Amino acid sequence: MPNSFANNLRHLDVGSFPGGSGPGGGYTEAELAKELGKSLQTVGRMRKKRRGPPFWMNGKTPIYPAALARAWVHSRIVQPIRRRRG
């Protein structure tokens, strides 16, 4: 049985992502840093450690597809735990 996730990635139209001025509507590393309120060095470190949002390389330039970057941010939201009164 073929891997459907891999098949979806092969047919992914990067140009369909809105936002950002990078190729295909993605964020450059500087734009992503500004959006996240982080330094350029922090975003670069996150990319190198594979702890940041998904990206693809355009030559030597990392591009972060806007929709995937937003999904990564939303996946990092943690709901607070309600304390019991007692």
N, C-alpha and C. Protein backbone atom coordinates (compact mmCIF):
# COMPACT_ATOMS: atom_id res chain seq x y z
N MET A 1 0.86 -1.19 0.00
CA MET A 1 0.00 0.00 0.00
C MET A 1 0.89 1.24 0.00
N PRO A 2 0.73 2.13 -0.95
CA PRO A 2 1.58 3.32 -1.01
C PRO A 2 1.29 4.27 0.15
N ASN A 3 2.32 4.98 0.53
CA ASN A 3 2.21 5.95 1.62
C ASN A 3 1.45 7.18 1.11
N SER A 4 0.24 7.40 1.61
CA SER A 4 -0.59 8.51 1.11
C SER A 4 0.00 9.86 1.47
N PHE A 5 0.68 9.95 2.64
CA PHE A 5 1.30 11.22 3.03
C PHE A 5 2.38 11.61 2.03
N ALA A 6 3.22 10.64 1.66
CA ALA A 6 4.28 10.90 0.70
C ALA A 6 3.68 11.26 -0.67
N ASN A 7 2.60 10.58 -1.06
CA ASN A 7 1.96 10.91 -2.33
C ASN A 7 1.40 12.32 -2.32
N ASN A 8 0.81 12.74 -1.20
CA ASN A 8 0.28 14.09 -1.10
C ASN A 8 1.40 15.12 -1.21
N LEU A 9 2.56 14.83 -0.61
CA LEU A 9 3.68 15.77 -0.70
C LEU A 9 4.20 15.89 -2.12
N ARG A 10 4.18 14.80 -2.87
CA ARG A 10 4.65 14.85 -4.25
C ARG A 10 3.78 15.76 -5.11
N HIS A 11 2.49 15.80 -4.80
CA HIS A 11 1.55 16.60 -5.60
C HIS A 11 1.28 17.97 -4.98
N LEU A 12 2.04 18.33 -3.97
CA LEU A 12 1.83 19.60 -3.27
C LEU A 12 2.18 20.76 -4.18
N ASP A 13 1.27 21.68 -4.35
CA ASP A 13 1.52 22.88 -5.15
C ASP A 13 1.94 23.97 -4.19
N VAL A 14 3.23 24.20 -4.10
CA VAL A 14 3.76 25.17 -3.15
C VAL A 14 3.27 26.58 -3.48
N GLY A 15 2.96 26.85 -4.74
CA GLY A 15 2.49 28.17 -5.13
C GLY A 15 1.11 28.51 -4.61
N SER A 16 0.41 27.52 -4.03
CA SER A 16 -0.95 27.78 -3.56
C SER A 16 -0.99 28.34 -2.14
N PHE A 17 0.15 28.41 -1.47
CA PHE A 17 0.17 28.91 -0.10
C PHE A 17 0.15 30.43 -0.08
N PRO A 18 -0.79 31.01 0.66
CA PRO A 18 -0.83 32.47 0.75
C PRO A 18 0.18 32.98 1.76
N GLY A 19 0.53 34.23 1.66
CA GLY A 19 1.38 34.86 2.66
C GLY A 19 2.85 34.75 2.32
N GLY A 20 3.63 35.68 2.90
CA GLY A 20 5.07 35.67 2.68
C GLY A 20 5.43 36.16 1.29
N SER A 21 6.66 36.60 1.14
CA SER A 21 7.09 37.08 -0.17
C SER A 21 8.09 36.14 -0.81
N GLY A 22 8.41 35.03 -0.14
CA GLY A 22 9.33 34.06 -0.71
C GLY A 22 8.70 33.34 -1.88
N PRO A 23 9.50 32.53 -2.59
CA PRO A 23 8.95 31.78 -3.72
C PRO A 23 7.80 30.88 -3.29
N GLY A 24 6.74 30.87 -4.05
CA GLY A 24 5.60 29.99 -3.76
C GLY A 24 4.78 30.42 -2.57
N GLY A 25 4.86 31.68 -2.14
CA GLY A 25 4.04 32.15 -1.04
C GLY A 25 4.55 31.72 0.32
N GLY A 26 5.82 31.40 0.42
CA GLY A 26 6.39 31.00 1.70
C GLY A 26 7.11 32.16 2.36
N TYR A 27 7.42 31.95 3.63
CA TYR A 27 8.18 32.95 4.38
C TYR A 27 9.67 32.69 4.24
N THR A 28 10.44 33.74 4.11
CA THR A 28 11.88 33.60 4.22
C THR A 28 12.19 33.49 5.71
N GLU A 29 13.42 33.15 6.04
CA GLU A 29 13.78 33.01 7.45
C GLU A 29 13.61 34.32 8.22
N ALA A 30 13.95 35.43 7.58
CA ALA A 30 13.81 36.74 8.23
C ALA A 30 12.34 37.08 8.47
N GLU A 31 11.47 36.79 7.48
CA GLU A 31 10.04 37.06 7.64
C GLU A 31 9.44 36.19 8.74
N LEU A 32 9.85 34.92 8.78
CA LEU A 32 9.33 34.03 9.81
C LEU A 32 9.77 34.49 11.20
N ALA A 33 11.01 34.92 11.31
CA ALA A 33 11.51 35.42 12.60
C ALA A 33 10.69 36.61 13.07
N LYS A 34 10.37 37.50 12.14
CA LYS A 34 9.56 38.67 12.48
C LYS A 34 8.15 38.25 12.91
N GLU A 35 7.54 37.31 12.17
CA GLU A 35 6.19 36.82 12.51
C GLU A 35 6.16 36.17 13.89
N LEU A 36 7.21 35.40 14.22
CA LEU A 36 7.24 34.68 15.49
C LEU A 36 7.75 35.55 16.64
N GLY A 37 8.31 36.70 16.32
CA GLY A 37 8.87 37.55 17.37
C GLY A 37 10.17 36.98 17.93
N LYS A 38 10.91 36.27 17.08
CA LYS A 38 12.18 35.65 17.46
C LYS A 38 13.30 36.28 16.65
N SER A 39 14.53 36.08 17.10
CA SER A 39 15.66 36.59 16.33
C SER A 39 15.93 35.67 15.15
N LEU A 40 16.63 36.19 14.16
CA LEU A 40 16.99 35.41 12.99
C LEU A 40 17.86 34.22 13.39
N GLN A 41 18.74 34.44 14.37
CA GLN A 41 19.61 33.36 14.84
C GLN A 41 18.80 32.24 15.49
N THR A 42 17.76 32.60 16.25
CA THR A 42 16.92 31.59 16.90
C THR A 42 16.18 30.75 15.88
N VAL A 43 15.63 31.38 14.86
CA VAL A 43 14.91 30.63 13.82
C VAL A 43 15.89 29.72 13.06
N GLY A 44 17.08 30.22 12.79
CA GLY A 44 18.09 29.39 12.13
C GLY A 44 18.49 28.19 12.99
N ARG A 45 18.62 28.40 14.28
CA ARG A 45 18.95 27.32 15.20
C ARG A 45 17.81 26.30 15.25
N MET A 46 16.57 26.78 15.27
CA MET A 46 15.41 25.87 15.28
C MET A 46 15.41 25.01 14.01
N ARG A 47 15.74 25.62 12.87
CA ARG A 47 15.77 24.87 11.61
C ARG A 47 16.86 23.81 11.64
N LYS A 48 18.04 24.18 12.10
CA LYS A 48 19.17 23.24 12.11
C LYS A 48 18.92 22.07 13.06
N LYS A 49 18.20 22.32 14.15
CA LYS A 49 17.89 21.25 15.11
C LYS A 49 16.59 20.53 14.77
N ARG A 50 15.94 20.94 13.66
CA ARG A 50 14.67 20.35 13.22
C ARG A 50 13.58 20.49 14.27
N ARG A 51 13.55 21.62 14.95
CA ARG A 51 12.53 21.88 15.97
C ARG A 51 11.57 22.98 15.54
N GLY A 52 11.77 23.52 14.37
CA GLY A 52 10.91 24.59 13.88
C GLY A 52 9.89 24.08 12.89
N PRO A 53 9.22 25.01 12.21
CA PRO A 53 8.21 24.61 11.22
C PRO A 53 8.85 23.94 10.00
N PRO A 54 8.05 23.19 9.24
CA PRO A 54 8.57 22.54 8.04
C PRO A 54 9.07 23.58 7.03
N PHE A 55 10.10 23.21 6.28
CA PHE A 55 10.67 24.12 5.29
C PHE A 55 11.16 23.32 4.10
N TRP A 56 11.44 24.02 3.02
CA TRP A 56 12.10 23.42 1.87
C TRP A 56 13.21 24.36 1.45
N MET A 57 14.18 23.84 0.76
CA MET A 57 15.33 24.66 0.38
C MET A 57 15.20 25.11 -1.08
N ASN A 58 15.37 26.39 -1.28
CA ASN A 58 15.42 26.96 -2.62
C ASN A 58 16.88 27.34 -2.84
N GLY A 59 17.66 26.40 -3.33
CA GLY A 59 19.10 26.60 -3.40
C GLY A 59 19.64 26.51 -1.98
N LYS A 60 20.21 27.60 -1.48
CA LYS A 60 20.72 27.64 -0.11
C LYS A 60 19.78 28.41 0.82
N THR A 61 18.62 28.82 0.31
CA THR A 61 17.68 29.63 1.09
C THR A 61 16.52 28.78 1.60
N PRO A 62 16.34 28.71 2.93
CA PRO A 62 15.18 27.97 3.45
C PRO A 62 13.90 28.78 3.24
N ILE A 63 12.85 28.10 2.79
CA ILE A 63 11.54 28.72 2.59
C ILE A 63 10.54 27.95 3.44
N TYR A 64 9.75 28.68 4.21
CA TYR A 64 8.75 28.09 5.09
C TYR A 64 7.37 28.35 4.48
N PRO A 65 6.70 27.33 3.92
CA PRO A 65 5.35 27.54 3.37
C PRO A 65 4.44 28.12 4.45
N ALA A 66 3.73 29.17 4.10
CA ALA A 66 2.94 29.93 5.07
C ALA A 66 1.91 29.05 5.80
N ALA A 67 1.20 28.21 5.06
CA ALA A 67 0.16 27.38 5.69
C ALA A 67 0.78 26.38 6.67
N LEU A 68 1.91 25.80 6.31
CA LEU A 68 2.56 24.84 7.19
C LEU A 68 3.18 25.53 8.41
N ALA A 69 3.68 26.75 8.23
CA ALA A 69 4.23 27.50 9.36
C ALA A 69 3.11 27.84 10.34
N ARG A 70 1.96 28.26 9.82
CA ARG A 70 0.82 28.57 10.70
C ARG A 70 0.33 27.33 11.43
N ALA A 71 0.28 26.20 10.72
CA ALA A 71 -0.16 24.95 11.34
C ALA A 71 0.81 24.53 12.44
N TRP A 72 2.11 24.75 12.23
CA TRP A 72 3.11 24.42 13.24
C TRP A 72 2.90 25.29 14.49
N VAL A 73 2.64 26.57 14.29
CA VAL A 73 2.41 27.47 15.43
C VAL A 73 1.18 27.01 16.21
N HIS A 74 0.09 26.68 15.51
CA HIS A 74 -1.14 26.25 16.18
C HIS A 74 -0.95 24.92 16.91
N SER A 75 -0.08 24.07 16.40
CA SER A 75 0.16 22.78 17.06
C SER A 75 0.95 22.95 18.35
N ARG A 76 1.58 24.10 18.54
CA ARG A 76 2.40 24.34 19.73
C ARG A 76 1.60 25.00 20.86
N ILE A 77 0.34 25.31 20.65
CA ILE A 77 -0.49 25.94 21.67
C ILE A 77 -0.83 24.92 22.76
N VAL A 78 -0.60 25.30 23.99
CA VAL A 78 -0.89 24.42 25.12
C VAL A 78 -2.00 25.04 25.95
N GLN A 79 -3.03 24.26 26.23
CA GLN A 79 -4.15 24.74 27.04
C GLN A 79 -3.77 24.63 28.53
N PRO A 80 -4.06 25.66 29.31
CA PRO A 80 -3.75 25.59 30.73
C PRO A 80 -4.63 24.56 31.45
N ILE A 81 -4.11 23.99 32.49
CA ILE A 81 -4.85 23.01 33.28
C ILE A 81 -5.60 23.77 34.36
N ARG A 82 -6.89 23.46 34.51
CA ARG A 82 -7.69 24.11 35.54
C ARG A 82 -7.39 23.47 36.88
N ARG A 83 -7.17 24.29 37.85
CA ARG A 83 -6.93 23.77 39.20
C ARG A 83 -8.25 23.55 39.92
N ARG A 84 -8.28 22.52 40.67
CA ARG A 84 -9.49 22.24 41.45
C ARG A 84 -9.50 23.09 42.70
N ARG A 85 -10.68 23.50 43.03
CA ARG A 85 -10.82 24.23 44.30
C ARG A 85 -10.92 23.21 45.41
N GLY A 86 -10.29 23.47 46.47
CA GLY A 86 -10.42 22.47 47.49
C GLY A 86 -9.89 22.88 48.75
